[in-house]
Amino acid sequence: MPVYQYNFETNWKFEADIEQIWGLINQFNYGEWWKGLNSVRMKKDRSKISVGDRFISIFKTKLPYQLSFESEVVKIDSPTYLEIKAFGELEGRGIWHLSQVGTITHVQYIWQVNTNKKWMNTLAPLLRPAFIWNHNQVMNEGAKGISNSLGVRLISL
């Protein structure tokens, strides 16, 4: 059975300081502000997130399925870069890039993954557009969550 690769790029702009946005993204407490997402640190022996830390994430999507995977932090460059590798039902890597110009913080998320759910790979030739739409809906919830949690204006999705 073929494996299907997905390459997503999400871009958000907020009227906010980069440190505010970084504070949410870097802490992995996504379930506190991102509707439909729960992320739990597997071992908490220190408060600061570091390379090697691992998390379990569960996404409840707009379509009638959820995805869960583990992730490991592989690189951090505060407050502009965070990279994870993912394995489980989704496998690949995710990269957060943050930059600030004036009062605007740009957040870019690159998500390069393949699915390991047999049913998703079997149906991907037919349902790939729906899976892409679903991903975009999940990411839109993330942008709204940042805006609402920090009380900052979301300028663009």
Protein backbone atom coordinates (compact mmCIF):
# COMPACT_ATOMS: atom_id res chain seq x y z
CA MET A 1 0.00 0.00 0.00
CA PRO A 2 1.41 3.41 -0.89
CA VAL A 3 2.20 5.98 1.78
CA TYR A 4 0.87 9.47 1.15
CA GLN A 5 3.05 12.47 1.87
CA TYR A 6 1.49 15.80 2.84
CA ASN A 7 3.40 19.09 2.72
CA PHE A 8 1.55 21.92 4.41
CA GLU A 9 2.56 25.53 4.92
CA THR A 10 0.46 27.65 7.25
CA ASN A 11 1.03 31.39 7.71
CA TRP A 12 -0.52 33.59 10.35
CA LYS A 13 0.05 37.25 11.21
CA PHE A 14 -0.79 38.76 14.57
CA GLU A 15 -0.59 42.23 15.97
CA ALA A 16 1.52 41.01 18.88
CA ASP A 17 5.04 40.80 20.19
CA ILE A 18 6.99 37.74 19.07
CA GLU A 19 7.66 36.77 22.71
CA GLN A 20 3.90 36.55 23.39
CA ILE A 21 3.34 34.16 20.50
CA TRP A 22 6.49 32.19 21.27
CA GLY A 23 5.34 31.77 24.86
CA LEU A 24 2.28 29.83 23.69
CA ILE A 25 3.89 27.78 20.93
CA ASN A 26 7.01 26.85 22.88
CA GLN A 27 5.17 25.57 25.96
CA PHE A 28 3.19 22.84 24.17
CA ASN A 29 0.14 23.54 26.35
CA TYR A 30 -1.88 23.64 23.16
CA GLY A 31 -4.98 22.11 24.72
CA GLU A 32 -5.37 25.24 26.85
CA TRP A 33 -5.95 27.48 23.84
CA TRP A 34 -6.23 25.35 20.66
CA LYS A 35 -9.73 23.94 20.17
CA GLY A 36 -9.60 20.27 19.26
CA LEU A 37 -5.98 19.69 20.25
CA ASN A 38 -4.51 18.15 23.34
CA SER A 39 -0.76 17.88 23.85
CA VAL A 40 0.78 16.25 26.91
CA ARG A 41 4.43 16.24 27.87
CA MET A 42 5.54 12.65 28.44
CA LYS A 43 8.16 13.38 31.08
CA LYS A 44 8.21 16.59 33.06
CA ASP A 45 11.43 16.79 35.02
CA ARG A 46 11.99 20.49 34.34
CA SER A 47 9.78 23.44 33.50
CA LYS A 48 11.53 24.68 30.35
CA ILE A 49 10.99 22.81 27.08
CA SER A 50 14.27 21.43 25.72
CA VAL A 51 15.62 19.37 22.85
CA GLY A 52 14.69 15.74 23.44
CA ASP A 53 11.40 16.48 25.21
CA ARG A 54 8.57 14.31 23.97
CA PHE A 55 4.84 14.90 23.73
CA ILE A 56 1.70 13.00 22.84
CA SER A 57 -0.70 15.03 20.71
CA ILE A 58 -4.30 14.19 19.86
CA PHE A 59 -6.19 16.18 17.24
CA LYS A 60 -9.98 16.04 17.12
CA THR A 61 -10.74 17.16 13.60
CA LYS A 62 -13.73 18.69 11.83
CA LEU A 63 -14.23 15.37 10.03
CA PRO A 64 -15.28 12.32 12.08
CA TYR A 65 -11.82 11.06 12.99
CA GLN A 66 -8.94 12.01 15.23
CA LEU A 67 -5.19 11.67 14.84
CA SER A 68 -2.66 10.99 17.54
CA PHE A 69 1.10 10.99 17.37
CA GLU A 70 4.18 11.45 19.47
CA SER A 71 6.59 14.26 18.83
CA GLU A 72 10.10 15.02 19.94
CA VAL A 73 11.70 18.44 20.04
CA VAL A 74 14.81 18.33 17.84
CA LYS A 75 15.82 22.00 17.67
CA ILE A 76 14.93 25.24 19.46
CA ASP A 77 16.18 28.75 18.73
CA SER A 78 14.12 31.03 20.97
CA PRO A 79 11.99 32.95 19.97
CA THR A 80 12.14 32.21 16.25
CA TYR A 81 12.47 28.48 15.57
CA LEU A 82 11.08 25.21 16.92
CA GLU A 83 11.39 21.89 15.11
CA ILE A 84 9.81 18.57 16.01
CA LYS A 85 9.84 15.10 14.54
CA ALA A 86 6.58 13.20 14.65
CA PHE A 87 5.89 9.48 14.73
CA GLY A 88 2.82 7.34 15.18
CA GLU A 89 -0.33 7.89 13.12
CA LEU A 90 1.48 10.83 11.52
CA GLU A 91 5.18 10.64 10.77
CA GLY A 92 7.48 13.43 9.64
CA ARG A 93 8.47 16.85 10.88
CA GLY A 94 7.00 20.16 11.88
CA ILE A 95 8.79 23.50 11.92
CA TRP A 96 7.60 26.72 13.55
CA HIS A 97 9.25 29.91 12.21
CA LEU A 98 8.44 33.21 13.92
CA SER A 99 9.55 36.68 12.88
CA GLN A 100 8.56 40.20 13.81
CA VAL A 101 8.44 43.41 11.80
CA GLY A 102 7.24 46.42 13.77
CA THR A 103 4.20 45.34 15.77
CA ILE A 104 3.38 42.37 13.53
CA THR A 105 4.50 38.82 14.27
CA HIS A 106 4.48 36.38 11.38
CA VAL A 107 4.08 32.70 12.28
CA GLN A 108 4.85 30.07 9.67
CA TYR A 109 4.30 26.37 10.27
CA ILE A 110 5.72 23.78 7.89
CA TRP A 111 4.23 20.32 8.38
CA GLN A 112 5.70 17.54 6.24
CA VAL A 113 4.09 14.24 7.20
CA ASN A 114 2.77 10.99 5.93
CA THR A 115 -0.13 9.09 7.40
CA ASN A 116 0.26 5.66 8.96
CA LYS A 117 -3.43 4.91 9.28
CA LYS A 118 -4.28 2.17 6.82
CA TRP A 119 -7.76 3.49 6.08
CA MET A 120 -6.40 6.98 5.33
CA ASN A 121 -3.80 5.65 2.90
CA THR A 122 -6.38 3.38 1.24
CA LEU A 123 -8.81 6.28 0.75
CA ALA A 124 -6.23 9.03 0.07
CA PRO A 125 -6.67 8.95 -3.73
CA LEU A 126 -10.32 9.85 -3.22
CA LEU A 127 -10.29 11.82 0.06
CA ARG A 128 -6.99 13.72 -0.13
CA PRO A 129 -8.79 17.06 -0.80
CA ALA A 130 -10.95 16.47 2.29
CA PHE A 131 -7.87 15.65 4.40
CA ILE A 132 -6.22 18.88 3.24
CA TRP A 133 -9.38 20.88 4.00
CA ASN A 134 -9.52 19.23 7.43
CA HIS A 135 -5.90 20.16 8.17
CA ASN A 136 -6.62 23.78 7.25
CA GLN A 137 -9.63 23.86 9.58
CA VAL A 138 -7.52 22.53 12.46
CA MET A 139 -4.85 25.17 11.79
CA ASN A 140 -7.46 27.94 11.64
CA GLU A 141 -8.55 26.92 15.16
CA GLY A 142 -4.92 27.33 16.26
CA ALA A 143 -4.76 30.88 14.92
CA LYS A 144 -8.07 31.79 16.58
CA GLY A 145 -6.84 30.21 19.80
CA ILE A 146 -3.67 32.32 19.88
CA SER A 147 -5.66 35.47 19.14
CA ASN A 148 -8.26 34.76 21.81
CA SER A 149 -5.80 33.52 24.43
CA LEU A 150 -3.54 36.55 24.15
CA GLY A 151 -6.22 39.09 23.32
CA VAL A 152 -4.34 40.08 20.16
CA ARG A 153 -5.60 40.80 16.68
CA LEU A 154 -5.28 38.10 14.04
CA ILE A 155 -4.41 39.98 10.87
CA SER A 156 -4.33 37.11 8.39
CA LEU A 157 -4.61 33.35 8.13
